[in-house]
Amino acid sequence: MKPLLIQGGHIIDPSQGINEIGSLLITEGKISWLGKGEIASPQPDCDILHAQGLIVCPGFVDLHCHLRQPGFEDKETIATGSQAAARGGFTTICCMPNTSPPLDSRATVDYVKSTAASEGVVRILPIGCISKGRKGEELAPMSELASAGVIAYSDDGKPVLNSNLMRQALDYSRVLGLPIIDHSEDTLLTEGGLMNEGIIST
């Protein structure tokens, strides 16, 4: 594979304190050279991508996406969702467990990971359920899900209304070193609500 010279783009990398017009050379998948200014002398035998007016930056990460596979492929698949992510500059996406069946077992997580490896075009990280079936009644096997490779827990779109269950989930998540992504809502208060209570809504 030839080296790629990305020439004259607006390079932004907050981790390195870079925010300037410049060029960079990619050799064997890694940045091998970075220079200031719109013009850079290309190496012999390299491809050139003219990036004037474009932003060159590290890939974005989406912490909350709905790939919906398995079970709701009519809405989105791992292939189509990851292709859309790549076109938008996202190189890592974290998929929520609102699938059918939900991501509450090793088998389902393994399915998502293997499908992501064969059909995905970006890095896909699964988020496991807090509760079995996302029903908020019984904890999902959080340790099993962690060993299967989930990077967090959520009952995406559904709150865990049982405070004791949430306390247990938080305790386990701390031990396992993985965060909880909570859908923070009390459906007993919001049921049928369309706007905030106040003088205008009355």
N, C-alpha and C. Protein backbone atom coordinates (compact mmCIF):
# COMPACT_ATOMS: atom_id res chain seq x y z
N MET A 1 0.84 -1.19 0.00
CA MET A 1 0.00 0.00 0.00
C MET A 1 0.88 1.24 0.00
N LYS A 2 0.56 2.18 -0.90
CA LYS A 2 1.35 3.41 -1.00
C LYS A 2 1.11 4.31 0.21
N PRO A 3 2.13 5.11 0.57
CA PRO A 3 1.89 6.14 1.58
C PRO A 3 0.84 7.13 1.07
N LEU A 4 0.10 7.76 1.99
CA LEU A 4 -0.94 8.73 1.64
C LEU A 4 -0.58 10.08 2.23
N LEU A 5 -0.48 11.09 1.38
CA LEU A 5 -0.23 12.46 1.83
C LEU A 5 -1.56 13.21 1.84
N ILE A 6 -2.00 13.60 3.02
CA ILE A 6 -3.20 14.43 3.16
C ILE A 6 -2.71 15.87 3.24
N GLN A 7 -3.01 16.64 2.20
CA GLN A 7 -2.35 17.92 2.00
C GLN A 7 -3.28 19.11 2.22
N GLY A 8 -2.84 20.03 3.07
CA GLY A 8 -3.49 21.33 3.20
C GLY A 8 -4.80 21.35 3.95
N GLY A 9 -5.05 20.38 4.81
CA GLY A 9 -6.29 20.36 5.58
C GLY A 9 -6.17 21.12 6.89
N HIS A 10 -7.31 21.37 7.53
CA HIS A 10 -7.32 21.99 8.86
C HIS A 10 -7.19 20.86 9.86
N ILE A 11 -6.00 20.69 10.41
CA ILE A 11 -5.70 19.58 11.32
C ILE A 11 -6.06 19.98 12.74
N ILE A 12 -6.92 19.17 13.36
CA ILE A 12 -7.34 19.42 14.74
C ILE A 12 -7.11 18.15 15.55
N ASP A 13 -6.32 18.27 16.60
CA ASP A 13 -6.12 17.16 17.54
C ASP A 13 -5.91 17.74 18.93
N PRO A 14 -7.00 17.86 19.71
CA PRO A 14 -6.87 18.47 21.05
C PRO A 14 -5.86 17.76 21.94
N SER A 15 -5.71 16.45 21.80
CA SER A 15 -4.78 15.72 22.67
C SER A 15 -3.33 16.14 22.43
N GLN A 16 -3.05 16.68 21.24
CA GLN A 16 -1.69 17.11 20.91
C GLN A 16 -1.58 18.64 20.83
N GLY A 17 -2.67 19.34 21.11
CA GLY A 17 -2.65 20.80 21.04
C GLY A 17 -2.51 21.32 19.62
N ILE A 18 -3.00 20.59 18.63
CA ILE A 18 -2.87 20.98 17.23
C ILE A 18 -4.19 21.54 16.72
N ASN A 19 -4.12 22.74 16.13
CA ASN A 19 -5.28 23.38 15.50
C ASN A 19 -4.73 24.33 14.44
N GLU A 20 -4.40 23.78 13.27
CA GLU A 20 -3.71 24.56 12.25
C GLU A 20 -3.88 23.93 10.87
N ILE A 21 -3.59 24.74 9.87
CA ILE A 21 -3.55 24.22 8.49
C ILE A 21 -2.24 23.48 8.31
N GLY A 22 -2.33 22.28 7.76
CA GLY A 22 -1.10 21.51 7.58
C GLY A 22 -1.33 20.28 6.72
N SER A 23 -0.30 19.47 6.65
CA SER A 23 -0.35 18.23 5.88
C SER A 23 0.22 17.12 6.73
N LEU A 24 -0.21 15.91 6.42
CA LEU A 24 0.38 14.77 7.13
C LEU A 24 0.51 13.59 6.19
N LEU A 25 1.48 12.76 6.49
CA LEU A 25 1.78 11.58 5.68
C LEU A 25 1.43 10.34 6.49
N ILE A 26 0.67 9.46 5.88
CA ILE A 26 0.31 8.20 6.52
C ILE A 26 1.06 7.08 5.81
N THR A 27 1.86 6.36 6.59
CA THR A 27 2.64 5.25 6.06
C THR A 27 2.29 3.99 6.84
N GLU A 28 1.86 2.96 6.14
CA GLU A 28 1.47 1.69 6.76
C GLU A 28 0.45 1.90 7.88
N GLY A 29 -0.52 2.78 7.63
CA GLY A 29 -1.61 3.00 8.57
C GLY A 29 -1.30 3.90 9.75
N LYS A 30 -0.11 4.48 9.78
CA LYS A 30 0.27 5.36 10.89
C LYS A 30 0.78 6.69 10.37
N ILE A 31 0.55 7.75 11.16
CA ILE A 31 1.06 9.07 10.78
C ILE A 31 2.58 9.05 10.94
N SER A 32 3.28 9.27 9.83
CA SER A 32 4.74 9.23 9.87
C SER A 32 5.38 10.61 9.76
N TRP A 33 4.57 11.61 9.38
CA TRP A 33 5.10 12.97 9.25
C TRP A 33 3.94 13.95 9.34
N LEU A 34 4.21 15.11 9.96
CA LEU A 34 3.22 16.18 10.10
C LEU A 34 3.92 17.50 9.85
N GLY A 35 3.34 18.33 8.98
CA GLY A 35 3.96 19.62 8.68
C GLY A 35 2.94 20.73 8.59
N LYS A 36 3.39 21.96 8.84
CA LYS A 36 2.51 23.13 8.78
C LYS A 36 2.43 23.63 7.34
N GLY A 37 1.31 24.32 7.05
CA GLY A 37 1.15 24.96 5.75
C GLY A 37 0.34 24.13 4.78
N GLU A 38 -0.16 24.82 3.74
CA GLU A 38 -1.03 24.15 2.78
C GLU A 38 -0.27 23.29 1.78
N ILE A 39 0.98 23.61 1.53
CA ILE A 39 1.74 22.88 0.51
C ILE A 39 2.78 22.00 1.20
N ALA A 40 2.84 20.77 0.77
CA ALA A 40 3.87 19.85 1.26
C ALA A 40 4.43 19.13 0.05
N SER A 41 5.74 18.93 0.06
CA SER A 41 6.37 18.22 -1.06
C SER A 41 6.08 16.74 -0.93
N PRO A 42 5.37 16.18 -1.91
CA PRO A 42 5.05 14.75 -1.80
C PRO A 42 6.27 13.88 -1.96
N GLN A 43 6.26 12.78 -1.26
CA GLN A 43 7.30 11.77 -1.47
C GLN A 43 7.07 11.13 -2.82
N PRO A 44 8.13 10.60 -3.39
CA PRO A 44 7.89 9.83 -4.62
C PRO A 44 6.99 8.63 -4.30
N ASP A 45 6.15 8.30 -5.23
CA ASP A 45 5.31 7.10 -5.13
C ASP A 45 4.37 7.13 -3.92
N CYS A 46 3.68 8.27 -3.74
CA CYS A 46 2.64 8.31 -2.69
C CYS A 46 1.36 8.89 -3.30
N ASP A 47 0.25 8.47 -2.76
CA ASP A 47 -1.04 9.03 -3.17
C ASP A 47 -1.24 10.36 -2.45
N ILE A 48 -1.94 11.29 -3.12
CA ILE A 48 -2.17 12.62 -2.54
C ILE A 48 -3.67 12.86 -2.42
N LEU A 49 -4.09 13.29 -1.23
CA LEU A 49 -5.47 13.69 -1.00
C LEU A 49 -5.46 15.18 -0.69
N HIS A 50 -6.03 15.99 -1.58
CA HIS A 50 -6.08 17.44 -1.38
C HIS A 50 -7.20 17.75 -0.40
N ALA A 51 -6.85 18.29 0.76
CA ALA A 51 -7.82 18.47 1.85
C ALA A 51 -8.10 19.93 2.17
N GLN A 52 -7.80 20.84 1.23
CA GLN A 52 -8.09 22.25 1.47
C GLN A 52 -9.58 22.41 1.75
N GLY A 53 -9.91 23.15 2.82
CA GLY A 53 -11.30 23.38 3.19
C GLY A 53 -11.92 22.24 3.98
N LEU A 54 -11.14 21.20 4.26
CA LEU A 54 -11.64 20.05 5.01
C LEU A 54 -10.97 19.96 6.38
N ILE A 55 -11.62 19.28 7.30
CA ILE A 55 -11.05 19.06 8.63
C ILE A 55 -10.42 17.68 8.69
N VAL A 56 -9.21 17.62 9.19
CA VAL A 56 -8.50 16.36 9.39
C VAL A 56 -8.34 16.19 10.90
N CYS A 57 -8.92 15.14 11.45
CA CYS A 57 -8.88 14.97 12.90
C CYS A 57 -8.99 13.48 13.24
N PRO A 58 -8.73 13.13 14.50
CA PRO A 58 -8.96 11.74 14.91
C PRO A 58 -10.43 11.38 14.74
N GLY A 59 -10.70 10.10 14.57
CA GLY A 59 -12.08 9.65 14.39
C GLY A 59 -12.93 9.96 15.61
N PHE A 60 -14.21 10.25 15.36
CA PHE A 60 -15.15 10.53 16.44
C PHE A 60 -15.62 9.22 17.07
N VAL A 61 -16.11 9.32 18.31
CA VAL A 61 -16.66 8.17 19.03
C VAL A 61 -18.11 8.48 19.38
N ASP A 62 -19.03 7.59 19.00
CA ASP A 62 -20.45 7.73 19.36
C ASP A 62 -20.73 6.78 20.52
N LEU A 63 -21.04 7.34 21.68
CA LEU A 63 -21.27 6.53 22.88
C LEU A 63 -22.68 5.96 22.98
N HIS A 64 -23.55 6.31 22.02
CA HIS A 64 -24.95 5.89 22.14
C HIS A 64 -25.55 5.76 20.74
N CYS A 65 -25.48 4.58 20.17
CA CYS A 65 -26.12 4.36 18.87
C CYS A 65 -27.01 3.13 18.93
N HIS A 66 -27.96 3.07 18.01
CA HIS A 66 -28.93 1.97 17.96
C HIS A 66 -28.70 1.19 16.67
N LEU A 67 -28.02 0.06 16.77
CA LEU A 67 -27.81 -0.77 15.58
C LEU A 67 -28.95 -1.74 15.36
N ARG A 68 -29.69 -2.08 16.39
CA ARG A 68 -30.94 -2.83 16.36
C ARG A 68 -30.84 -4.27 15.87
N GLN A 69 -29.65 -4.76 15.63
CA GLN A 69 -29.47 -6.15 15.22
C GLN A 69 -28.85 -6.91 16.38
N PRO A 70 -29.47 -8.01 16.81
CA PRO A 70 -30.52 -8.80 16.16
C PRO A 70 -31.94 -8.31 16.48
N GLY A 71 -32.86 -8.67 15.59
CA GLY A 71 -34.28 -8.54 15.88
C GLY A 71 -35.03 -7.43 15.18
N PHE A 72 -34.35 -6.30 14.93
CA PHE A 72 -35.03 -5.17 14.30
C PHE A 72 -34.26 -4.69 13.07
N GLU A 73 -33.86 -5.64 12.24
CA GLU A 73 -33.05 -5.31 11.07
C GLU A 73 -33.76 -4.40 10.08
N ASP A 74 -35.09 -4.32 10.16
CA ASP A 74 -35.83 -3.40 9.29
C ASP A 74 -35.55 -1.94 9.66
N LYS A 75 -35.07 -1.71 10.88
CA LYS A 75 -34.76 -0.35 11.33
C LYS A 75 -33.29 0.00 11.08
N GLU A 76 -32.39 -0.93 11.39
CA GLU A 76 -30.95 -0.70 11.23
C GLU A 76 -30.23 -2.02 11.39
N THR A 77 -29.12 -2.18 10.70
CA THR A 77 -28.27 -3.35 10.88
C THR A 77 -26.88 -2.90 11.29
N ILE A 78 -26.09 -3.85 11.71
CA ILE A 78 -24.71 -3.54 12.06
C ILE A 78 -23.97 -3.00 10.85
N ALA A 79 -24.23 -3.58 9.67
CA ALA A 79 -23.57 -3.12 8.45
C ALA A 79 -23.99 -1.70 8.09
N THR A 80 -25.30 -1.43 8.02
CA THR A 80 -25.74 -0.10 7.59
C THR A 80 -25.41 0.97 8.62
N GLY A 81 -25.55 0.64 9.90
CA GLY A 81 -25.24 1.61 10.94
C GLY A 81 -23.77 1.97 10.97
N SER A 82 -22.91 0.97 10.78
CA SER A 82 -21.47 1.26 10.81
C SER A 82 -21.04 2.01 9.55
N GLN A 83 -21.68 1.74 8.41
CA GLN A 83 -21.37 2.50 7.19
C GLN A 83 -21.76 3.97 7.35
N ALA A 84 -22.93 4.21 7.94
CA ALA A 84 -23.36 5.59 8.19
C ALA A 84 -22.40 6.29 9.14
N ALA A 85 -21.95 5.56 10.16
CA ALA A 85 -21.00 6.14 11.12
C ALA A 85 -19.71 6.54 10.41
N ALA A 86 -19.19 5.65 9.59
CA ALA A 86 -17.93 5.92 8.88
C ALA A 86 -18.06 7.15 7.98
N ARG A 87 -19.18 7.28 7.30
CA ARG A 87 -19.38 8.44 6.42
C ARG A 87 -19.43 9.74 7.21
N GLY A 88 -19.82 9.66 8.48
CA GLY A 88 -19.88 10.85 9.32
C GLY A 88 -18.61 11.12 10.11
N GLY A 89 -17.57 10.31 9.90
CA GLY A 89 -16.31 10.53 10.60
C GLY A 89 -16.17 9.79 11.91
N PHE A 90 -17.10 8.87 12.19
CA PHE A 90 -17.04 8.10 13.44
C PHE A 90 -16.29 6.79 13.18
N THR A 91 -15.26 6.54 13.97
CA THR A 91 -14.48 5.32 13.82
C THR A 91 -14.75 4.32 14.93
N THR A 92 -15.45 4.74 15.98
CA THR A 92 -15.87 3.84 17.06
C THR A 92 -17.30 4.19 17.44
N ILE A 93 -18.15 3.15 17.53
CA ILE A 93 -19.53 3.36 17.97
C ILE A 93 -19.87 2.34 19.05
N CYS A 94 -20.65 2.77 20.02
CA CYS A 94 -21.07 1.91 21.13
C CYS A 94 -22.56 1.62 20.95
N CYS A 95 -22.89 0.34 20.76
CA CYS A 95 -24.28 0.00 20.44
C CYS A 95 -25.07 -0.35 21.69
N MET A 96 -26.25 0.26 21.77
CA MET A 96 -27.15 0.05 22.89
C MET A 96 -27.82 -1.33 22.81
N PRO A 97 -28.31 -1.84 23.95
CA PRO A 97 -28.83 -3.20 23.99
C PRO A 97 -30.31 -3.32 23.65
N ASN A 98 -30.87 -2.33 22.92
CA ASN A 98 -32.31 -2.39 22.60
C ASN A 98 -32.53 -3.23 21.33
N THR A 99 -32.16 -4.49 21.44
CA THR A 99 -32.29 -5.45 20.35
C THR A 99 -33.28 -6.53 20.80
N SER A 100 -33.51 -7.50 19.93
CA SER A 100 -34.40 -8.61 20.30
C SER A 100 -33.76 -9.92 19.85
N PRO A 101 -33.22 -10.71 20.77
CA PRO A 101 -33.22 -10.48 22.21
C PRO A 101 -32.25 -9.36 22.61
N PRO A 102 -32.48 -8.76 23.78
CA PRO A 102 -31.57 -7.72 24.26
C PRO A 102 -30.19 -8.29 24.56
N LEU A 103 -29.22 -7.41 24.71
CA LEU A 103 -27.86 -7.85 25.02
C LEU A 103 -27.74 -8.15 26.51
N ASP A 104 -28.40 -9.22 26.93
CA ASP A 104 -28.37 -9.61 28.35
C ASP A 104 -27.80 -11.01 28.54
N SER A 105 -27.09 -11.53 27.52
CA SER A 105 -26.46 -12.84 27.64
C SER A 105 -25.17 -12.86 26.82
N ARG A 106 -24.29 -13.76 27.18
CA ARG A 106 -23.03 -13.91 26.44
C ARG A 106 -23.31 -14.24 24.97
N ALA A 107 -24.31 -15.09 24.72
CA ALA A 107 -24.59 -15.51 23.35
C ALA A 107 -24.96 -14.32 22.46
N THR A 108 -25.78 -13.42 22.98
CA THR A 108 -26.19 -12.27 22.18
C THR A 108 -25.03 -11.31 21.97
N VAL A 109 -24.23 -11.10 23.01
CA VAL A 109 -23.04 -10.24 22.87
C VAL A 109 -22.07 -10.85 21.87
N ASP A 110 -21.86 -12.17 21.95
CA ASP A 110 -20.97 -12.84 20.99
C ASP A 110 -21.48 -12.67 19.57
N TYR A 111 -22.80 -12.76 19.39
CA TYR A 111 -23.39 -12.59 18.06
C TYR A 111 -23.08 -11.19 17.52
N VAL A 112 -23.30 -10.17 18.35
CA VAL A 112 -23.05 -8.79 17.91
C VAL A 112 -21.58 -8.61 17.58
N LYS A 113 -20.70 -9.13 18.41
CA LYS A 113 -19.26 -8.96 18.17
C LYS A 113 -18.82 -9.67 16.89
N SER A 114 -19.31 -10.89 16.66
CA SER A 114 -18.90 -11.62 15.46
C SER A 114 -19.48 -10.97 14.20
N THR A 115 -20.72 -10.49 14.28
CA THR A 115 -21.31 -9.80 13.13
C THR A 115 -20.58 -8.49 12.87
N ALA A 116 -20.22 -7.79 13.93
CA ALA A 116 -19.46 -6.54 13.78
C ALA A 116 -18.11 -6.80 13.11
N ALA A 117 -17.47 -7.92 13.47
CA ALA A 117 -16.17 -8.24 12.89
C ALA A 117 -16.28 -8.57 11.40
N SER A 118 -17.39 -9.19 11.00
CA SER A 118 -17.52 -9.61 9.60
C SER A 118 -18.22 -8.57 8.72
N GLU A 119 -19.11 -7.75 9.30
CA GLU A 119 -19.91 -6.83 8.48
C GLU A 119 -19.69 -5.36 8.80
N GLY A 120 -19.15 -5.06 9.97
CA GLY A 120 -18.96 -3.67 10.36
C GLY A 120 -17.74 -3.07 9.68
N VAL A 121 -17.77 -1.75 9.50
CA VAL A 121 -16.63 -1.07 8.88
C VAL A 121 -15.94 -0.11 9.85
N VAL A 122 -16.45 -0.03 11.08
CA VAL A 122 -15.81 0.74 12.14
C VAL A 122 -15.73 -0.14 13.38
N ARG A 123 -15.04 0.33 14.40
CA ARG A 123 -14.96 -0.41 15.66
C ARG A 123 -16.32 -0.33 16.37
N ILE A 124 -16.86 -1.47 16.75
CA ILE A 124 -18.18 -1.53 17.39
C ILE A 124 -18.04 -2.14 18.77
N LEU A 125 -18.47 -1.40 19.80
CA LEU A 125 -18.37 -1.84 21.18
C LEU A 125 -19.77 -2.04 21.75
N PRO A 126 -20.09 -3.25 22.22
CA PRO A 126 -21.43 -3.51 22.73
C PRO A 126 -21.62 -3.01 24.17
N ILE A 127 -22.83 -2.53 24.44
CA ILE A 127 -23.25 -2.16 25.79
C ILE A 127 -24.28 -3.18 26.25
N GLY A 128 -24.04 -3.80 27.40
CA GLY A 128 -24.93 -4.84 27.90
C GLY A 128 -26.08 -4.27 28.71
N CYS A 129 -27.06 -5.11 28.97
CA CYS A 129 -28.24 -4.70 29.76
C CYS A 129 -27.90 -4.59 31.25
N ILE A 130 -28.60 -3.71 31.93
CA ILE A 130 -28.57 -3.68 33.39
C ILE A 130 -29.44 -4.81 33.93
N SER A 131 -30.62 -4.96 33.36
CA SER A 131 -31.56 -5.98 33.85
C SER A 131 -31.91 -6.97 32.74
N LYS A 132 -32.31 -8.14 33.13
CA LYS A 132 -32.70 -9.17 32.16
C LYS A 132 -33.88 -8.67 31.33
N GLY A 133 -33.72 -8.76 30.03
CA GLY A 133 -34.78 -8.34 29.13
C GLY A 133 -35.09 -6.86 29.14
N ARG A 134 -34.23 -6.07 29.80
CA ARG A 134 -34.48 -4.63 29.99
C ARG A 134 -35.81 -4.38 30.68
N LYS A 135 -36.20 -5.29 31.56
CA LYS A 135 -37.50 -5.20 32.24
C LYS A 135 -37.41 -4.53 33.60
N GLY A 136 -36.19 -4.34 34.13
CA GLY A 136 -36.04 -3.68 35.41
C GLY A 136 -36.45 -4.51 36.61
N GLU A 137 -36.51 -5.84 36.43
CA GLU A 137 -36.98 -6.70 37.52
C GLU A 137 -35.88 -7.54 38.14
N GLU A 138 -34.90 -7.95 37.36
CA GLU A 138 -33.83 -8.83 37.83
C GLU A 138 -32.54 -8.44 37.12
N LEU A 139 -31.44 -8.42 37.87
CA LEU A 139 -30.17 -8.04 37.26
C LEU A 139 -29.79 -8.99 36.13
N ALA A 140 -29.24 -8.42 35.07
CA ALA A 140 -28.62 -9.23 34.03
C ALA A 140 -27.33 -9.81 34.61
N PRO A 141 -26.78 -10.86 34.01
CA PRO A 141 -25.53 -11.44 34.52
C PRO A 141 -24.34 -10.53 34.19
N MET A 142 -24.14 -9.51 35.02
CA MET A 142 -23.20 -8.44 34.70
C MET A 142 -21.76 -8.93 34.56
N SER A 143 -21.34 -9.86 35.40
CA SER A 143 -19.98 -10.39 35.30
C SER A 143 -19.79 -11.16 33.99
N GLU A 144 -20.78 -11.97 33.64
CA GLU A 144 -20.73 -12.72 32.39
C GLU A 144 -20.66 -11.78 31.19
N LEU A 145 -21.45 -10.71 31.24
CA LEU A 145 -21.44 -9.74 30.14
C LEU A 145 -20.10 -9.03 30.06
N ALA A 146 -19.51 -8.73 31.21
CA ALA A 146 -18.19 -8.09 31.22
C ALA A 146 -17.15 -9.00 30.57
N SER A 147 -17.16 -10.27 30.93
CA SER A 147 -16.19 -11.19 30.34
C SER A 147 -16.46 -11.42 28.85
N ALA A 148 -17.71 -11.21 28.41
CA ALA A 148 -18.04 -11.33 26.99
C ALA A 148 -17.59 -10.10 26.20
N GLY A 149 -17.30 -8.99 26.90
CA GLY A 149 -16.73 -7.84 26.21
C GLY A 149 -17.58 -6.59 26.16
N VAL A 150 -18.65 -6.49 26.98
CA VAL A 150 -19.40 -5.23 26.98
C VAL A 150 -18.54 -4.14 27.63
N ILE A 151 -18.82 -2.89 27.25
CA ILE A 151 -18.01 -1.79 27.79
C ILE A 151 -18.79 -0.93 28.78
N ALA A 152 -20.08 -1.23 28.95
CA ALA A 152 -20.94 -0.50 29.90
C ALA A 152 -22.25 -1.26 30.01
N TYR A 153 -23.14 -0.75 30.86
CA TYR A 153 -24.46 -1.36 31.05
C TYR A 153 -25.53 -0.28 30.92
N SER A 154 -26.65 -0.65 30.29
CA SER A 154 -27.77 0.27 30.15
C SER A 154 -29.04 -0.52 29.86
N ASP A 155 -30.17 -0.01 30.29
CA ASP A 155 -31.46 -0.54 29.85
C ASP A 155 -32.05 0.44 28.84
N ASP A 156 -31.22 0.94 27.98
CA ASP A 156 -31.51 1.98 27.00
C ASP A 156 -32.99 2.18 26.69
N GLY A 157 -33.45 3.39 26.93
CA GLY A 157 -34.84 3.73 26.65
C GLY A 157 -35.79 3.39 27.77
N LYS A 158 -35.31 2.63 28.74
CA LYS A 158 -36.15 2.24 29.87
C LYS A 158 -35.41 2.54 31.17
N PRO A 159 -36.06 3.21 32.11
CA PRO A 159 -35.42 3.45 33.40
C PRO A 159 -35.48 2.21 34.29
N VAL A 160 -34.54 2.11 35.22
CA VAL A 160 -34.61 1.08 36.25
C VAL A 160 -35.33 1.72 37.43
N LEU A 161 -36.62 1.42 37.59
CA LEU A 161 -37.42 2.08 38.62
C LEU A 161 -37.18 1.51 40.01
N ASN A 162 -36.68 0.28 40.09
CA ASN A 162 -36.43 -0.36 41.37
C ASN A 162 -35.10 0.15 41.93
N SER A 163 -35.17 0.98 42.95
CA SER A 163 -33.96 1.62 43.50
C SER A 163 -32.98 0.60 44.06
N ASN A 164 -33.48 -0.47 44.66
CA ASN A 164 -32.59 -1.49 45.20
C ASN A 164 -31.86 -2.22 44.08
N LEU A 165 -32.56 -2.50 42.99
CA LEU A 165 -31.92 -3.14 41.83
C LEU A 165 -30.84 -2.24 41.26
N MET A 166 -31.13 -0.94 41.16
CA MET A 166 -30.12 0.00 40.65
C MET A 166 -28.93 0.09 41.60
N ARG A 167 -29.18 0.07 42.90
CA ARG A 167 -28.07 0.09 43.85
C ARG A 167 -27.18 -1.13 43.65
N GLN A 168 -27.78 -2.31 43.48
CA GLN A 168 -26.99 -3.52 43.24
C GLN A 168 -26.21 -3.40 41.93
N ALA A 169 -26.86 -2.87 40.90
CA ALA A 169 -26.18 -2.71 39.61
C ALA A 169 -24.99 -1.77 39.75
N LEU A 170 -25.15 -0.68 40.49
CA LEU A 170 -24.05 0.26 40.70
C LEU A 170 -22.91 -0.38 41.48
N ASP A 171 -23.25 -1.18 42.49
CA ASP A 171 -22.22 -1.90 43.26
C ASP A 171 -21.42 -2.82 42.34
N TYR A 172 -22.12 -3.63 41.55
CA TYR A 172 -21.44 -4.57 40.65
C TYR A 172 -20.63 -3.83 39.58
N SER A 173 -21.19 -2.75 39.06
CA SER A 173 -20.48 -2.03 38.00
C SER A 173 -19.18 -1.44 38.53
N ARG A 174 -19.18 -1.00 39.80
CA ARG A 174 -17.96 -0.48 40.40
C ARG A 174 -16.91 -1.58 40.52
N VAL A 175 -17.33 -2.76 40.99
CA VAL A 175 -16.40 -3.89 41.12
C VAL A 175 -15.85 -4.29 39.76
N LEU A 176 -16.71 -4.29 38.74
CA LEU A 176 -16.31 -4.72 37.40
C LEU A 176 -15.58 -3.62 36.62
N GLY A 177 -15.63 -2.40 37.13
CA GLY A 177 -14.93 -1.29 36.47
C GLY A 177 -15.59 -0.82 35.19
N LEU A 178 -16.91 -1.00 35.09
CA LEU A 178 -17.64 -0.58 33.90
C LEU A 178 -18.77 0.37 34.30
N PRO A 179 -19.02 1.41 33.50
CA PRO A 179 -20.02 2.40 33.88
C PRO A 179 -21.46 1.94 33.61
N ILE A 180 -22.37 2.60 34.30
CA ILE A 180 -23.81 2.47 34.05
C ILE A 180 -24.24 3.69 33.24
N ILE A 181 -24.96 3.45 32.15
CA ILE A 181 -25.55 4.54 31.36
C ILE A 181 -27.05 4.47 31.59
N ASP A 182 -27.55 5.35 32.45
CA ASP A 182 -28.93 5.25 32.91
C ASP A 182 -29.87 6.09 32.06
N HIS A 183 -31.04 5.55 31.80
CA HIS A 183 -32.14 6.34 31.21
C HIS A 183 -32.85 6.98 32.40
N SER A 184 -32.50 8.20 32.69
CA SER A 184 -32.92 8.85 33.93
C SER A 184 -34.33 9.43 33.79
N GLU A 185 -35.31 8.63 34.16
CA GLU A 185 -36.70 9.04 34.05
C GLU A 185 -37.53 8.24 35.04
N ASP A 186 -38.50 8.88 35.64
CA ASP A 186 -39.48 8.18 36.48
C ASP A 186 -40.78 8.16 35.70
N THR A 187 -41.10 7.02 35.11
CA THR A 187 -42.28 6.94 34.24
C THR A 187 -43.59 7.14 35.00
N LEU A 188 -43.56 6.97 36.33
CA LEU A 188 -44.76 7.24 37.12
C LEU A 188 -45.07 8.74 37.14
N LEU A 189 -44.03 9.55 36.94
CA LEU A 189 -44.22 11.00 36.91
C LEU A 189 -44.40 11.54 35.50
N THR A 190 -43.81 10.86 34.51
CA THR A 190 -43.81 11.39 33.15
C THR A 190 -44.87 10.78 32.25
N GLU A 191 -45.58 9.76 32.71
CA GLU A 191 -46.57 9.08 31.87
C GLU A 191 -47.58 10.06 31.30
N GLY A 192 -47.65 10.12 29.97
CA GLY A 192 -48.60 11.00 29.31
C GLY A 192 -48.19 12.45 29.26
N GLY A 193 -47.06 12.78 29.85
CA GLY A 193 -46.61 14.17 29.87
C GLY A 193 -46.07 14.62 28.53
N LEU A 194 -46.38 15.85 28.14
CA LEU A 194 -45.92 16.39 26.87
C LEU A 194 -45.00 17.59 27.06
N MET A 195 -45.08 18.24 28.22
CA MET A 195 -44.21 19.39 28.48
C MET A 195 -44.07 19.58 29.98
N ASN A 196 -43.13 20.43 30.39
CA ASN A 196 -42.91 20.68 31.81
C ASN A 196 -44.12 21.36 32.43
N GLU A 197 -44.41 20.99 33.69
CA GLU A 197 -45.49 21.66 34.40
C GLU A 197 -45.11 23.11 34.68
N GLY A 198 -46.07 23.99 34.58
CA GLY A 198 -45.83 25.39 34.85
C GLY A 198 -47.02 26.22 34.43
N ILE A 199 -46.88 27.54 34.54
CA ILE A 199 -48.00 28.43 34.24
C ILE A 199 -48.42 28.32 32.79
N ILE A 200 -47.48 28.12 31.88
CA ILE A 200 -47.82 28.03 30.45
C ILE A 200 -48.57 26.73 30.16
N SER A 201 -48.11 25.62 30.76
CA SER A 201 -48.73 24.33 30.45
C SER A 201 -50.12 24.18 31.06
N THR A 202 -50.45 25.00 32.07
CA THR A 202 -51.78 24.91 32.66
C THR A 202 -52.75 25.76 31.88
